[in-house]
């Protein structure tokens, strides 16, 4: 299975480092597994947005909080504080 792996070096901005640490700790996954899951989820979200779908979170009071498709097109290097 090791031959199925691709090694990648990335440069993360401080907020991304914080987000990665938060997500890995919250999920109990390794940083590698967290990055893999994040990339898969990002690809799924982009695929659905291209089909005209919208992303929304439903709160405990059934209130919707949506994320507009344009959010994914902008330079997001300085966004995403967990």
N, C-alpha and C. Protein backbone atom coordinates (compact mmCIF):
# COMPACT_ATOMS: atom_id res chain seq x y z
N UNK A 1 0.82 -1.19 0.00
CA UNK A 1 0.00 0.00 0.00
C UNK A 1 0.86 1.25 0.00
N UNK A 2 2.08 1.19 0.50
CA UNK A 2 2.96 2.36 0.55
C UNK A 2 3.23 2.91 -0.84
N UNK A 3 3.18 2.06 -1.87
CA UNK A 3 3.43 2.54 -3.23
C UNK A 3 2.27 3.40 -3.74
N UNK A 4 1.13 3.36 -3.06
CA UNK A 4 -0.02 4.17 -3.44
C UNK A 4 0.06 5.58 -2.86
N UNK A 5 1.09 5.88 -2.11
CA UNK A 5 1.21 7.17 -1.45
C UNK A 5 2.00 8.15 -2.30
N UNK A 6 1.64 9.42 -2.21
CA UNK A 6 2.37 10.50 -2.84
C UNK A 6 2.82 11.45 -1.75
N UNK A 7 4.11 11.69 -1.66
CA UNK A 7 4.63 12.62 -0.67
C UNK A 7 4.50 14.03 -1.21
N UNK A 8 4.05 14.95 -0.34
CA UNK A 8 3.82 16.32 -0.74
C UNK A 8 4.33 17.24 0.36
N UNK A 9 5.02 18.27 -0.04
CA UNK A 9 5.48 19.28 0.91
C UNK A 9 4.65 20.53 0.66
N UNK A 10 4.08 21.09 1.73
CA UNK A 10 3.27 22.30 1.60
C UNK A 10 3.75 23.37 2.57
N UNK A 11 3.48 24.60 2.24
CA UNK A 11 3.76 25.73 3.12
C UNK A 11 2.42 26.22 3.66
N UNK A 12 2.23 26.14 4.95
CA UNK A 12 0.98 26.54 5.57
C UNK A 12 1.12 27.90 6.25
N UNK A 13 0.11 28.74 6.05
CA UNK A 13 0.07 30.01 6.77
C UNK A 13 -0.32 29.70 8.21
N UNK A 14 -0.03 30.61 9.15
CA UNK A 14 -0.29 30.33 10.56
C UNK A 14 -1.71 29.87 10.88
N UNK A 15 -2.71 30.48 10.25
CA UNK A 15 -4.09 30.05 10.53
C UNK A 15 -4.35 28.63 10.06
N UNK A 16 -3.72 28.22 8.98
CA UNK A 16 -3.89 26.85 8.52
C UNK A 16 -3.22 25.87 9.47
N UNK A 17 -2.09 26.25 10.03
CA UNK A 17 -1.42 25.42 11.03
C UNK A 17 -2.33 25.24 12.24
N UNK A 18 -2.95 26.34 12.68
CA UNK A 18 -3.88 26.28 13.81
C UNK A 18 -5.08 25.41 13.48
N UNK A 19 -5.61 25.58 12.27
CA UNK A 19 -6.76 24.78 11.85
C UNK A 19 -6.42 23.30 11.77
N UNK A 20 -5.25 22.99 11.26
CA UNK A 20 -4.82 21.60 11.17
C UNK A 20 -4.66 20.99 12.56
N UNK A 21 -4.04 21.72 13.46
CA UNK A 21 -3.87 21.21 14.83
C UNK A 21 -5.22 21.00 15.50
N UNK A 22 -6.14 21.96 15.32
CA UNK A 22 -7.47 21.83 15.90
C UNK A 22 -8.21 20.61 15.34
N UNK A 23 -8.22 20.48 14.01
CA UNK A 23 -8.95 19.37 13.38
C UNK A 23 -8.37 18.01 13.76
N UNK A 24 -7.04 17.92 13.80
CA UNK A 24 -6.41 16.65 14.17
C UNK A 24 -6.72 16.29 15.62
N UNK A 25 -6.65 17.28 16.51
CA UNK A 25 -6.94 17.01 17.92
C UNK A 25 -8.41 16.67 18.12
N UNK A 26 -9.30 17.39 17.44
CA UNK A 26 -10.74 17.15 17.60
C UNK A 26 -11.17 15.80 17.06
N UNK A 27 -10.52 15.35 15.99
CA UNK A 27 -10.89 14.07 15.38
C UNK A 27 -10.11 12.90 15.93
N UNK A 28 -8.95 13.20 16.53
CA UNK A 28 -8.09 12.12 17.00
C UNK A 28 -7.27 11.48 15.88
N UNK A 29 -7.32 12.09 14.70
CA UNK A 29 -6.57 11.58 13.55
C UNK A 29 -5.17 12.19 13.51
N UNK A 30 -4.29 11.58 12.75
CA UNK A 30 -2.98 12.15 12.52
C UNK A 30 -3.12 13.37 11.61
N UNK A 31 -2.09 14.19 11.55
CA UNK A 31 -2.13 15.33 10.65
C UNK A 31 -2.25 14.86 9.20
N UNK A 32 -1.57 13.77 8.86
CA UNK A 32 -1.66 13.24 7.50
C UNK A 32 -3.08 12.82 7.18
N UNK A 33 -3.72 12.07 8.07
CA UNK A 33 -5.10 11.65 7.84
C UNK A 33 -6.04 12.86 7.78
N UNK A 34 -5.78 13.85 8.61
CA UNK A 34 -6.61 15.06 8.62
C UNK A 34 -6.51 15.80 7.30
N UNK A 35 -5.29 15.95 6.77
CA UNK A 35 -5.12 16.62 5.47
C UNK A 35 -5.79 15.81 4.37
N UNK A 36 -5.64 14.50 4.39
CA UNK A 36 -6.29 13.66 3.38
C UNK A 36 -7.80 13.82 3.42
N UNK A 37 -8.38 13.78 4.61
CA UNK A 37 -9.84 13.94 4.73
C UNK A 37 -10.27 15.33 4.29
N UNK A 38 -9.50 16.34 4.65
CA UNK A 38 -9.85 17.72 4.27
C UNK A 38 -9.85 17.89 2.75
N UNK A 39 -8.86 17.34 2.09
CA UNK A 39 -8.79 17.44 0.63
C UNK A 39 -9.95 16.71 -0.03
N UNK A 40 -10.29 15.54 0.49
CA UNK A 40 -11.42 14.78 -0.07
C UNK A 40 -12.72 15.54 0.13
N UNK A 41 -12.89 16.15 1.30
CA UNK A 41 -14.10 16.91 1.58
C UNK A 41 -14.16 18.16 0.71
N UNK A 42 -13.04 18.84 0.55
CA UNK A 42 -12.99 20.03 -0.29
C UNK A 42 -13.36 19.69 -1.73
N UNK A 43 -12.85 18.58 -2.24
CA UNK A 43 -13.17 18.16 -3.60
C UNK A 43 -14.67 17.84 -3.72
N UNK A 44 -15.25 17.19 -2.73
CA UNK A 44 -16.68 16.89 -2.74
C UNK A 44 -17.51 18.17 -2.74
N UNK A 45 -17.13 19.12 -1.89
CA UNK A 45 -17.86 20.39 -1.82
C UNK A 45 -17.79 21.12 -3.16
N UNK A 46 -16.60 21.20 -3.76
CA UNK A 46 -16.46 21.88 -5.05
C UNK A 46 -17.27 21.18 -6.14
N UNK A 47 -17.27 19.85 -6.13
CA UNK A 47 -18.04 19.08 -7.11
C UNK A 47 -19.52 19.41 -7.00
N UNK A 48 -20.03 19.46 -5.78
CA UNK A 48 -21.45 19.74 -5.56
C UNK A 48 -21.79 21.19 -5.92
N UNK A 49 -20.91 22.12 -5.62
CA UNK A 49 -21.14 23.52 -5.97
C UNK A 49 -21.18 23.69 -7.48
N UNK A 50 -20.31 22.97 -8.19
CA UNK A 50 -20.33 23.03 -9.66
C UNK A 50 -21.65 22.53 -10.23
N UNK A 51 -22.32 21.65 -9.49
CA UNK A 51 -23.62 21.13 -9.92
C UNK A 51 -24.77 22.05 -9.49
N UNK A 52 -24.43 23.17 -8.85
CA UNK A 52 -25.44 24.12 -8.44
C UNK A 52 -25.94 23.95 -7.01
N UNK A 53 -25.35 23.02 -6.27
CA UNK A 53 -25.74 22.82 -4.88
C UNK A 53 -25.17 23.93 -4.02
N UNK A 54 -25.71 24.08 -2.81
CA UNK A 54 -25.21 25.06 -1.84
C UNK A 54 -24.84 24.32 -0.57
N UNK A 55 -23.87 24.85 0.13
CA UNK A 55 -23.43 24.28 1.40
C UNK A 55 -24.09 25.04 2.53
N UNK A 56 -24.69 24.31 3.47
CA UNK A 56 -25.33 24.97 4.61
C UNK A 56 -25.13 24.10 5.84
N UNK A 57 -25.09 24.75 6.98
CA UNK A 57 -25.03 24.06 8.26
C UNK A 57 -26.36 24.30 8.97
N UNK A 58 -26.88 23.25 9.57
CA UNK A 58 -28.15 23.37 10.29
C UNK A 58 -27.84 23.38 11.77
N UNK A 59 -28.25 24.45 12.44
CA UNK A 59 -28.02 24.59 13.87
C UNK A 59 -29.04 23.82 14.68
N UNK A 60 -28.81 23.70 15.97
CA UNK A 60 -29.72 22.96 16.84
C UNK A 60 -31.12 23.56 16.87
N UNK A 61 -31.23 24.84 16.53
CA UNK A 61 -32.55 25.48 16.49
C UNK A 61 -33.13 25.44 15.08
N UNK A 62 -32.57 24.60 14.22
CA UNK A 62 -32.97 24.43 12.82
C UNK A 62 -32.68 25.65 11.96
N UNK A 63 -31.90 26.57 12.49
CA UNK A 63 -31.50 27.73 11.70
C UNK A 63 -30.42 27.33 10.71
N UNK A 64 -30.50 27.88 9.52
CA UNK A 64 -29.51 27.57 8.49
C UNK A 64 -28.44 28.64 8.43
N UNK A 65 -27.21 28.21 8.28
CA UNK A 65 -26.09 29.11 8.04
C UNK A 65 -25.43 28.63 6.76
N UNK A 66 -25.56 29.40 5.70
CA UNK A 66 -25.04 28.98 4.40
C UNK A 66 -23.69 29.57 4.09
N UNK A 67 -22.98 28.92 3.19
CA UNK A 67 -21.71 29.42 2.67
C UNK A 67 -21.92 29.60 1.17
N UNK A 68 -21.71 30.79 0.69
CA UNK A 68 -21.90 31.08 -0.72
C UNK A 68 -20.78 30.45 -1.56
N UNK A 69 -21.11 30.10 -2.80
CA UNK A 69 -20.14 29.47 -3.70
C UNK A 69 -18.93 30.35 -3.93
N UNK A 70 -19.11 31.67 -3.93
CA UNK A 70 -17.99 32.58 -4.15
C UNK A 70 -16.92 32.45 -3.07
N UNK A 71 -17.29 31.99 -1.89
CA UNK A 71 -16.34 31.82 -0.80
C UNK A 71 -15.20 30.91 -1.23
N UNK A 72 -15.50 29.92 -2.06
CA UNK A 72 -14.49 28.96 -2.48
C UNK A 72 -13.63 29.47 -3.62
N UNK A 73 -13.99 30.58 -4.22
CA UNK A 73 -13.22 31.12 -5.34
C UNK A 73 -12.22 32.17 -4.91
N UNK A 74 -12.36 32.70 -3.72
CA UNK A 74 -11.51 33.78 -3.25
C UNK A 74 -10.20 33.24 -2.67
N UNK A 75 -9.27 34.12 -2.48
CA UNK A 75 -8.00 33.79 -1.82
C UNK A 75 -8.30 33.58 -0.34
N UNK A 76 -8.24 32.34 0.13
CA UNK A 76 -8.67 32.01 1.47
C UNK A 76 -7.49 31.81 2.41
N UNK A 77 -6.32 32.35 2.10
CA UNK A 77 -5.16 32.10 2.95
C UNK A 77 -5.29 32.69 4.35
N UNK A 78 -6.13 33.70 4.51
CA UNK A 78 -6.22 34.37 5.79
C UNK A 78 -7.57 34.12 6.48
N UNK A 79 -8.19 32.98 6.17
CA UNK A 79 -9.51 32.68 6.70
C UNK A 79 -9.50 31.29 7.34
N UNK A 80 -10.41 31.06 8.24
CA UNK A 80 -10.59 29.70 8.73
C UNK A 80 -10.16 29.49 10.15
N UNK A 81 -10.27 30.51 10.97
CA UNK A 81 -9.93 30.34 12.38
C UNK A 81 -10.89 29.33 12.98
N UNK A 82 -10.37 28.27 13.58
CA UNK A 82 -11.28 27.28 14.17
C UNK A 82 -11.99 27.83 15.39
